[in-house]
């Protein structure tokens, strides 16, 4: 497997080195606070549904991130290849 394939398919552990922005920290705190506030008013079944909804939304976000990463990665490779071919 090439290094590029290894990075693309296996991640090589680079994700943990990506810094979390202040905006992300604020949004995650806001979501946690809202979830806690809403949970106070819910029964156990409703809390379970809320947890599943939050988890599902997280899954959608993850899938979107993977798709955008893959497209950006492919575009970056195409731009790099094109720059070498035009020299």
PDB file of N, CA and C in Angstrom:
ATOM      1  N   UNK A   1       0.853  -1.175   0.000  1.00  0.00           N
ATOM      2  CA  UNK A   1       0.000   0.000   0.000  1.00  0.00           C
ATOM      3  C   UNK A   1       0.900   1.239   0.000  1.00  0.00           C
ATOM      4  N   UNK A   2       0.565   2.201  -0.834  1.00  0.00           N
ATOM      5  CA  UNK A   2       1.352   3.426  -0.896  1.00  0.00           C
ATOM      6  C   UNK A   2       1.080   4.298   0.330  1.00  0.00           C
ATOM      7  N   UNK A   3       1.942   5.266   0.559  1.00  0.00           N
ATOM      8  CA  UNK A   3       1.757   6.201   1.670  1.00  0.00           C
ATOM      9  C   UNK A   3       0.459   6.971   1.505  1.00  0.00           C
ATOM     10  N   UNK A   4       0.160   7.369   0.287  1.00  0.00           N
ATOM     11  CA  UNK A   4      -1.073   8.119   0.028  1.00  0.00           C
ATOM     12  C   UNK A   4      -2.295   7.255   0.354  1.00  0.00           C
ATOM     13  N   UNK A   5      -2.274   5.992  -0.070  1.00  0.00           N
ATOM     14  CA  UNK A   5      -3.389   5.095   0.250  1.00  0.00           C
ATOM     15  C   UNK A   5      -3.498   4.881   1.757  1.00  0.00           C
ATOM     16  N   UNK A   6      -2.352   4.756   2.404  1.00  0.00           N
ATOM     17  CA  UNK A   6      -2.344   4.555   3.847  1.00  0.00           C
ATOM     18  C   UNK A   6      -2.955   5.757   4.568  1.00  0.00           C
ATOM     19  N   UNK A   7      -2.587   6.953   4.155  1.00  0.00           N
ATOM     20  CA  UNK A   7      -3.160   8.162   4.758  1.00  0.00           C
ATOM     21  C   UNK A   7      -4.660   8.216   4.493  1.00  0.00           C
ATOM     22  N   UNK A   8      -5.051   7.960   3.247  1.00  0.00           N
ATOM     23  CA  UNK A   8      -6.453   8.086   2.866  1.00  0.00           C
ATOM     24  C   UNK A   8      -7.319   7.032   3.527  1.00  0.00           C
ATOM     25  N   UNK A   9      -6.904   5.780   3.483  1.00  0.00           N
ATOM     26  CA  UNK A   9      -7.754   4.690   3.982  1.00  0.00           C
ATOM     27  C   UNK A   9      -7.585   4.401   5.466  1.00  0.00           C
ATOM     28  N   UNK A  10      -6.405   4.593   6.001  1.00  0.00           N
ATOM     29  CA  UNK A  10      -6.148   4.220   7.392  1.00  0.00           C
ATOM     30  C   UNK A  10      -6.010   5.401   8.334  1.00  0.00           C
ATOM     31  N   UNK A  11      -5.902   6.590   7.806  1.00  0.00           N
ATOM     32  CA  UNK A  11      -5.837   7.782   8.641  1.00  0.00           C
ATOM     33  C   UNK A  11      -4.488   8.016   9.294  1.00  0.00           C
ATOM     34  N   UNK A  12      -3.706   6.970   9.496  1.00  0.00           N
ATOM     35  CA  UNK A  12      -2.371   7.048  10.093  1.00  0.00           C
ATOM     36  C   UNK A  12      -2.322   7.863  11.374  1.00  0.00           C
ATOM     37  N   UNK A  13      -3.460   8.060  12.034  1.00  0.00           N
ATOM     38  CA  UNK A  13      -3.459   8.734  13.321  1.00  0.00           C
ATOM     39  C   UNK A  13      -3.295  10.243  13.265  1.00  0.00           C
ATOM     40  N   UNK A  14      -3.572  10.856  12.140  1.00  0.00           N
ATOM     41  CA  UNK A  14      -3.394  12.304  12.023  1.00  0.00           C
ATOM     42  C   UNK A  14      -4.537  13.095  12.634  1.00  0.00           C
ATOM     43  N   UNK A  15      -5.706  12.475  12.763  1.00  0.00           N
ATOM     44  CA  UNK A  15      -6.877  13.209  13.239  1.00  0.00           C
ATOM     45  C   UNK A  15      -6.694  13.758  14.645  1.00  0.00           C
ATOM     46  N   UNK A  16      -6.036  12.996  15.503  1.00  0.00           N
ATOM     47  CA  UNK A  16      -5.860  13.483  16.873  1.00  0.00           C
ATOM     48  C   UNK A  16      -4.916  14.678  16.947  1.00  0.00           C
ATOM     49  N   UNK A  17      -4.191  14.958  15.867  1.00  0.00           N
ATOM     50  CA  UNK A  17      -3.280  16.100  15.843  1.00  0.00           C
ATOM     51  C   UNK A  17      -3.932  17.376  15.306  1.00  0.00           C
ATOM     52  N   UNK A  18      -5.173  17.267  14.865  1.00  0.00           N
ATOM     53  CA  UNK A  18      -5.873  18.438  14.337  1.00  0.00           C
ATOM     54  C   UNK A  18      -6.435  19.226  15.520  1.00  0.00           C
ATOM     55  N   UNK A  19      -6.045  20.492  15.658  1.00  0.00           N
ATOM     56  CA  UNK A  19      -6.535  21.271  16.799  1.00  0.00           C
ATOM     57  C   UNK A  19      -8.029  21.579  16.671  1.00  0.00           C
ATOM     58  N   UNK A  20      -8.699  21.604  17.809  1.00  0.00           N
ATOM     59  CA  UNK A  20     -10.119  21.952  17.850  1.00  0.00           C
ATOM     60  C   UNK A  20     -10.229  23.464  17.977  1.00  0.00           C
ATOM     61  N   UNK A  21     -11.035  24.067  17.124  1.00  0.00           N
ATOM     62  CA  UNK A  21     -11.172  25.519  17.133  1.00  0.00           C
ATOM     63  C   UNK A  21     -11.998  25.987  18.326  1.00  0.00           C
ATOM     64  N   UNK A  22     -11.840  27.258  18.661  1.00  0.00           N
ATOM     65  CA  UNK A  22     -12.644  27.848  19.742  1.00  0.00           C
ATOM     66  C   UNK A  22     -14.127  27.834  19.379  1.00  0.00           C
ATOM     67  N   UNK A  23     -14.434  28.050  18.101  1.00  0.00           N
ATOM     68  CA  UNK A  23     -15.821  28.007  17.652  1.00  0.00           C
ATOM     69  C   UNK A  23     -16.434  26.631  17.863  1.00  0.00           C
ATOM     70  N   UNK A  24     -15.650  25.585  17.599  1.00  0.00           N
ATOM     71  CA  UNK A  24     -16.136  24.222  17.816  1.00  0.00           C
ATOM     72  C   UNK A  24     -16.381  23.980  19.300  1.00  0.00           C
ATOM     73  N   UNK A  25     -15.463  24.427  20.138  1.00  0.00           N
ATOM     74  CA  UNK A  25     -15.621  24.250  21.589  1.00  0.00           C
ATOM     75  C   UNK A  25     -16.885  24.951  22.091  1.00  0.00           C
ATOM     76  N   UNK A  26     -17.143  26.145  21.570  1.00  0.00           N
ATOM     77  CA  UNK A  26     -18.351  26.878  21.972  1.00  0.00           C
ATOM     78  C   UNK A  26     -19.608  26.147  21.533  1.00  0.00           C
ATOM     79  N   UNK A  27     -19.593  25.615  20.301  1.00  0.00           N
ATOM     80  CA  UNK A  27     -20.771  24.908  19.788  1.00  0.00           C
ATOM     81  C   UNK A  27     -21.027  23.617  20.548  1.00  0.00           C
ATOM     82  N   UNK A  28     -19.985  22.875  20.876  1.00  0.00           N
ATOM     83  CA  UNK A  28     -20.164  21.618  21.597  1.00  0.00           C
ATOM     84  C   UNK A  28     -20.688  21.883  23.002  1.00  0.00           C
ATOM     85  N   UNK A  29     -20.221  22.973  23.636  1.00  0.00           N
ATOM     86  CA  UNK A  29     -20.728  23.326  24.966  1.00  0.00           C
ATOM     87  C   UNK A  29     -22.192  23.742  24.883  1.00  0.00           C
ATOM     88  N   UNK A  30     -22.535  24.526  23.868  1.00  0.00           N
ATOM     89  CA  UNK A  30     -23.916  24.959  23.685  1.00  0.00           C
ATOM     90  C   UNK A  30     -24.825  23.743  23.493  1.00  0.00           C
ATOM     91  N   UNK A  31     -24.412  22.798  22.669  1.00  0.00           N
ATOM     92  CA  UNK A  31     -25.213  21.589  22.444  1.00  0.00           C
ATOM     93  C   UNK A  31     -25.354  20.774  23.725  1.00  0.00           C
ATOM     94  N   UNK A  32     -24.278  20.638  24.472  1.00  0.00           N
ATOM     95  CA  UNK A  32     -24.336  19.875  25.728  1.00  0.00           C
ATOM     96  C   UNK A  32     -25.264  20.549  26.732  1.00  0.00           C
ATOM     97  N   UNK A  33     -25.154  21.872  26.836  1.00  0.00           N
ATOM     98  CA  UNK A  33     -26.018  22.613  27.762  1.00  0.00           C
ATOM     99  C   UNK A  33     -27.488  22.479  27.382  1.00  0.00           C
ATOM    100  N   UNK A  34     -27.793  22.608  26.089  1.00  0.00           N
ATOM    101  CA  UNK A  34     -29.173  22.474  25.629  1.00  0.00           C
ATOM    102  C   UNK A  34     -29.701  21.059  25.855  1.00  0.00           C
ATOM    103  N   UNK A  35     -28.861  20.083  25.612  1.00  0.00           N
ATOM    104  CA  UNK A  35     -29.260  18.695  25.839  1.00  0.00           C
ATOM    105  C   UNK A  35     -29.547  18.436  27.314  1.00  0.00           C
ATOM    106  N   UNK A  36     -28.687  18.954  28.177  1.00  0.00           N
ATOM    107  CA  UNK A  36     -28.904  18.796  29.623  1.00  0.00           C
ATOM    108  C   UNK A  36     -30.193  19.473  30.064  1.00  0.00           C
ATOM    109  N   UNK A  37     -30.422  20.682  29.574  1.00  0.00           N
ATOM    110  CA  UNK A  37     -31.629  21.432  29.941  1.00  0.00           C
ATOM    111  C   UNK A  37     -32.890  20.701  29.469  1.00  0.00           C
ATOM    112  N   UNK A  38     -32.855  20.222  28.239  1.00  0.00           N
ATOM    113  CA  UNK A  38     -34.000  19.513  27.693  1.00  0.00           C
ATOM    114  C   UNK A  38     -34.230  18.193  28.431  1.00  0.00           C
ATOM    115  N   UNK A  39     -33.151  17.506  28.777  1.00  0.00           N
ATOM    116  CA  UNK A  39     -33.265  16.206  29.465  1.00  0.00           C
ATOM    117  C   UNK A  39     -33.968  16.314  30.810  1.00  0.00           C
ATOM    118  N   UNK A  40     -33.862  17.465  31.461  1.00  0.00           N
ATOM    119  CA  UNK A  40     -34.522  17.651  32.757  1.00  0.00           C
ATOM    120  C   UNK A  40     -36.035  17.508  32.654  1.00  0.00           C
ATOM    121  N   UNK A  41     -36.582  17.810  31.478  1.00  0.00           N
ATOM    122  CA  UNK A  41     -38.031  17.798  31.288  1.00  0.00           C
ATOM    123  C   UNK A  41     -38.550  16.504  30.663  1.00  0.00           C
ATOM    124  N   UNK A  42     -37.648  15.574  30.355  1.00  0.00           N
ATOM    125  CA  UNK A  42     -38.051  14.380  29.626  1.00  0.00           C
ATOM    126  C   UNK A  42     -38.132  13.150  30.528  1.00  0.00           C
ATOM    127  N   UNK A  43     -39.012  12.221  30.129  1.00  0.00           N
ATOM    128  CA  UNK A  43     -39.040  10.936  30.824  1.00  0.00           C
ATOM    129  C   UNK A  43     -37.944  10.041  30.231  1.00  0.00           C
ATOM    130  N   UNK A  44     -37.783   8.842  30.778  1.00  0.00           N
ATOM    131  CA  UNK A  44     -36.688   7.969  30.344  1.00  0.00           C
ATOM    132  C   UNK A  44     -36.769   7.605  28.862  1.00  0.00           C
ATOM    133  N   UNK A  45     -37.955   7.323  28.371  1.00  0.00           N
ATOM    134  CA  UNK A  45     -38.108   6.962  26.954  1.00  0.00           C
ATOM    135  C   UNK A  45     -37.761   8.148  26.057  1.00  0.00           C
ATOM    136  N   UNK A  46     -38.191   9.342  26.432  1.00  0.00           N
ATOM    137  CA  UNK A  46     -37.884  10.535  25.653  1.00  0.00           C
ATOM    138  C   UNK A  46     -36.385  10.845  25.697  1.00  0.00           C
ATOM    139  N   UNK A  47     -35.749  10.623  26.848  1.00  0.00           N
ATOM    140  CA  UNK A  47     -34.295  10.824  26.954  1.00  0.00           C
ATOM    141  C   UNK A  47     -33.560   9.870  26.028  1.00  0.00           C
ATOM    142  N   UNK A  48     -34.044   8.625  25.957  1.00  0.00           N
ATOM    143  CA  UNK A  48     -33.430   7.643  25.063  1.00  0.00           C
ATOM    144  C   UNK A  48     -33.552   8.100  23.612  1.00  0.00           C
ATOM    145  N   UNK A  49     -34.728   8.594  23.238  1.00  0.00           N
ATOM    146  CA  UNK A  49     -34.933   9.097  21.874  1.00  0.00           C
ATOM    147  C   UNK A  49     -34.033  10.295  21.585  1.00  0.00           C
ATOM    148  N   UNK A  50     -33.898  11.192  22.557  1.00  0.00           N
ATOM    149  CA  UNK A  50     -33.021  12.353  22.375  1.00  0.00           C
ATOM    150  C   UNK A  50     -31.576  11.905  22.173  1.00  0.00           C
ATOM    151  N   UNK A  51     -31.136  10.940  22.974  1.00  0.00           N
ATOM    152  CA  UNK A  51     -29.770  10.425  22.846  1.00  0.00           C
ATOM    153  C   UNK A  51     -29.556   9.805  21.467  1.00  0.00           C
ATOM    154  N   UNK A  52     -30.542   9.042  20.993  1.00  0.00           N
ATOM    155  CA  UNK A  52     -30.444   8.433  19.669  1.00  0.00           C
ATOM    156  C   UNK A  52     -30.435   9.486  18.564  1.00  0.00           C
ATOM    157  N   UNK A  53     -31.236  10.538  18.733  1.00  0.00           N
ATOM    158  CA  UNK A  53     -31.252  11.626  17.755  1.00  0.00           C
ATOM    159  C   UNK A  53     -29.895  12.318  17.702  1.00  0.00           C
ATOM    160  N   UNK A  54     -29.334  12.630  18.855  1.00  0.00           N
ATOM    161  CA  UNK A  54     -28.028  13.291  18.912  1.00  0.00           C
ATOM    162  C   UNK A  54     -26.962  12.406  18.277  1.00  0.00           C
ATOM    163  N   UNK A  55     -27.018  11.105  18.582  1.00  0.00           N
ATOM    164  CA  UNK A  55     -26.066  10.158  18.006  1.00  0.00           C
ATOM    165  C   UNK A  55     -26.218  10.087  16.491  1.00  0.00           C
ATOM    166  N   UNK A  56     -27.448  10.059  16.014  1.00  0.00           N
ATOM    167  CA  UNK A  56     -27.697  10.031  14.571  1.00  0.00           C
ATOM    168  C   UNK A  56     -27.184  11.271  13.871  1.00  0.00           C
ATOM    169  N   UNK A  57     -27.386  12.422  14.504  1.00  0.00           N
ATOM    170  CA  UNK A  57     -26.886  13.668  13.913  1.00  0.00           C
ATOM    171  C   UNK A  57     -25.356  13.671  13.884  1.00  0.00           C
ATOM    172  N   UNK A  58     -24.757  13.110  14.927  1.00  0.00           N
ATOM    173  CA  UNK A  58     -23.294  12.996  14.944  1.00  0.00           C
ATOM    174  C   UNK A  58     -22.802  12.095  13.827  1.00  0.00           C
ATOM    175  N   UNK A  59     -23.528  11.018  13.579  1.00  0.00           N
ATOM    176  CA  UNK A  59     -23.168  10.120  12.479  1.00  0.00           C
ATOM    177  C   UNK A  59     -23.261  10.809  11.128  1.00  0.00           C
ATOM    178  N   UNK A  60     -24.310  11.609  10.952  1.00  0.00           N
ATOM    179  CA  UNK A  60     -24.441  12.376   9.705  1.00  0.00           C
ATOM    180  C   UNK A  60     -23.279  13.344   9.537  1.00  0.00           C
ATOM    181  N   UNK A  61     -22.909  14.003  10.620  1.00  0.00           N
ATOM    182  CA  UNK A  61     -21.797  14.945  10.581  1.00  0.00           C
ATOM    183  C   UNK A  61     -20.490  14.231  10.231  1.00  0.00           C
ATOM    184  N   UNK A  62     -20.294  13.056  10.814  1.00  0.00           N
ATOM    185  CA  UNK A  62     -19.087  12.281  10.529  1.00  0.00           C
ATOM    186  C   UNK A  62     -19.040  11.863   9.060  1.00  0.00           C
ATOM    187  N   UNK A  63     -20.159  11.368   8.546  1.00  0.00           N
ATOM    188  CA  UNK A  63     -20.212  10.967   7.143  1.00  0.00           C
ATOM    189  C   UNK A  63     -19.942  12.145   6.213  1.00  0.00           C
ATOM    190  N   UNK A  64     -20.508  13.288   6.546  1.00  0.00           N
ATOM    191  CA  UNK A  64     -20.286  14.491   5.752  1.00  0.00           C
ATOM    192  C   UNK A  64     -18.806  14.885   5.782  1.00  0.00           C
ATOM    193  N   UNK A  65     -18.208  14.814   6.965  1.00  0.00           N
ATOM    194  CA  UNK A  65     -16.782  15.148   7.092  1.00  0.00           C
ATOM    195  C   UNK A  65     -15.901  14.225   6.276  1.00  0.00           C
ATOM    196  N   UNK A  66     -16.210  12.928   6.306  1.00  0.00           N
ATOM    197  CA  UNK A  66     -15.431  11.951   5.532  1.00  0.00           C
ATOM    198  C   UNK A  66     -15.553  12.232   4.040  1.00  0.00           C
ATOM    199  N   UNK A  67     -16.781  12.509   3.596  1.00  0.00           N
ATOM    200  CA  UNK A  67     -17.004  12.801   2.174  1.00  0.00           C
ATOM    201  C   UNK A  67     -16.251  14.055   1.745  1.00  0.00           C
ATOM    202  N   UNK A  68     -16.329  15.110   2.551  1.00  0.00           N
ATOM    203  CA  UNK A  68     -15.632  16.348   2.206  1.00  0.00           C
ATOM    204  C   UNK A  68     -14.118  16.156   2.229  1.00  0.00           C
ATOM    205  N   UNK A  69     -13.622  15.395   3.196  1.00  0.00           N
ATOM    206  CA  UNK A  69     -12.188  15.111   3.247  1.00  0.00           C
ATOM    207  C   UNK A  69     -11.756  14.372   1.982  1.00  0.00           C
ATOM    208  N   UNK A  70     -12.514  13.335   1.616  1.00  0.00           N
ATOM    209  CA  UNK A  70     -12.150  12.532   0.445  1.00  0.00           C
ATOM    210  C   UNK A  70     -12.131  13.388  -0.818  1.00  0.00           C
ATOM    211  N   UNK A  71     -13.143  14.229  -0.992  1.00  0.00           N
ATOM    212  CA  UNK A  71     -13.188  15.086  -2.186  1.00  0.00           C
ATOM    213  C   UNK A  71     -12.045  16.094  -2.190  1.00  0.00           C
ATOM    214  N   UNK A  72     -11.755  16.678  -1.035  1.00  0.00           N
ATOM    215  CA  UNK A  72     -10.636  17.615  -0.942  1.00  0.00           C
ATOM    216  C   UNK A  72      -9.303  16.936  -1.191  1.00  0.00           C
ATOM    217  N   UNK A  73      -9.162  15.722  -0.683  1.00  0.00           N
ATOM    218  CA  UNK A  73      -7.936  14.948  -0.878  1.00  0.00           C
ATOM    219  C   UNK A  73      -7.731  14.662  -2.366  1.00  0.00           C
ATOM    220  N   UNK A  74      -8.811  14.208  -3.033  1.00  0.00           N
ATOM    221  CA  UNK A  74      -8.717  13.917  -4.472  1.00  0.00           C
ATOM    222  C   UNK A  74      -8.391  15.180  -5.267  1.00  0.00           C
ATOM    223  N   UNK A  75      -9.009  16.289  -4.899  1.00  0.00           N
ATOM    224  CA  UNK A  75      -8.733  17.546  -5.593  1.00  0.00           C
ATOM    225  C   UNK A  75      -7.279  17.964  -5.375  1.00  0.00           C
ATOM    226  N   UNK A  76      -6.790  17.820  -4.149  1.00  0.00           N
ATOM    227  CA  UNK A  76      -5.397  18.143  -3.864  1.00  0.00           C
ATOM    228  C   UNK A  76      -4.428  17.302  -4.678  1.00  0.00           C
ATOM    229  N   UNK A  77      -4.720  16.003  -4.791  1.00  0.00           N
ATOM    230  CA  UNK A  77      -3.873  15.128  -5.605  1.00  0.00           C
ATOM    231  C   UNK A  77      -3.919  15.538  -7.074  1.00  0.00           C
ATOM    232  N   UNK A  78      -5.108  15.862  -7.563  1.00  0.00           N
ATOM    233  CA  UNK A  78      -5.238  16.273  -8.964  1.00  0.00           C
ATOM    234  C   UNK A  78      -4.467  17.560  -9.228  1.00  0.00           C
ATOM    235  N   UNK A  79      -4.552  18.516  -8.302  1.00  0.00           N
ATOM    236  CA  UNK A  79      -3.810  19.768  -8.467  1.00  0.00           C
ATOM    237  C   UNK A  79      -2.305  19.536  -8.424  1.00  0.00           C
ATOM    238  N   UNK A  80      -1.863  18.669  -7.509  1.00  0.00           N
ATOM    239  CA  UNK A  80      -0.432  18.360  -7.429  1.00  0.00           C
ATOM    240  C   UNK A  80       0.044  17.677  -8.714  1.00  0.00           C
ATOM    241  N   UNK A  81      -0.722  16.709  -9.192  1.00  0.00           N
ATOM    242  CA  UNK A  81      -0.339  15.993 -10.421  1.00  0.00           C
ATOM    243  C   UNK A  81      -0.293  16.964 -11.611  1.00  0.00           C
ATOM    244  N   UNK A  82      -1.297  17.824 -11.692  1.00  0.00           N
ATOM    245  CA  UNK A  82      -1.352  18.785 -12.788  1.00  0.00           C
ATOM    246  C   UNK A  82      -0.166  19.746 -12.741  1.00  0.00           C
ATOM    247  N   UNK A  83       0.227  20.167 -11.548  1.00  0.00           N
ATOM    248  CA  UNK A  83       1.345  21.108 -11.446  1.00  0.00           C
ATOM    249  C   UNK A  83       2.645  20.452 -11.888  1.00  0.00           C
ATOM    250  N   UNK A  84       2.805  19.163 -11.635  1.00  0.00           N
ATOM    251  CA  UNK A  84       4.020  18.452 -12.073  1.00  0.00           C
ATOM    252  C   UNK A  84       3.998  18.194 -13.568  1.00  0.00           C
ATOM    253  N   UNK A  85       2.822  17.930 -14.121  1.00  0.00           N
ATOM    254  CA  UNK A  85       2.719  17.652 -15.551  1.00  0.00           C
ATOM    255  C   UNK A  85       2.931  18.893 -16.414  1.00  0.00           C
ATOM    256  N   UNK A  86       2.605  20.058 -15.883  1.00  0.00           N
ATOM    257  CA  UNK A  86       2.706  21.296 -16.658  1.00  0.00           C
ATOM    258  C   UNK A  86       4.097  21.910 -16.613  1.00  0.00           C
ATOM    259  N   UNK A  87       5.003  21.333 -15.833  1.00  0.00           N
ATOM    260  CA  UNK A  87       6.364  21.900 -15.745  1.00  0.00           C
ATOM    261  C   UNK A  87       7.193  21.523 -16.937  1.00  0.00           C
TER     262      UNK A  87
END
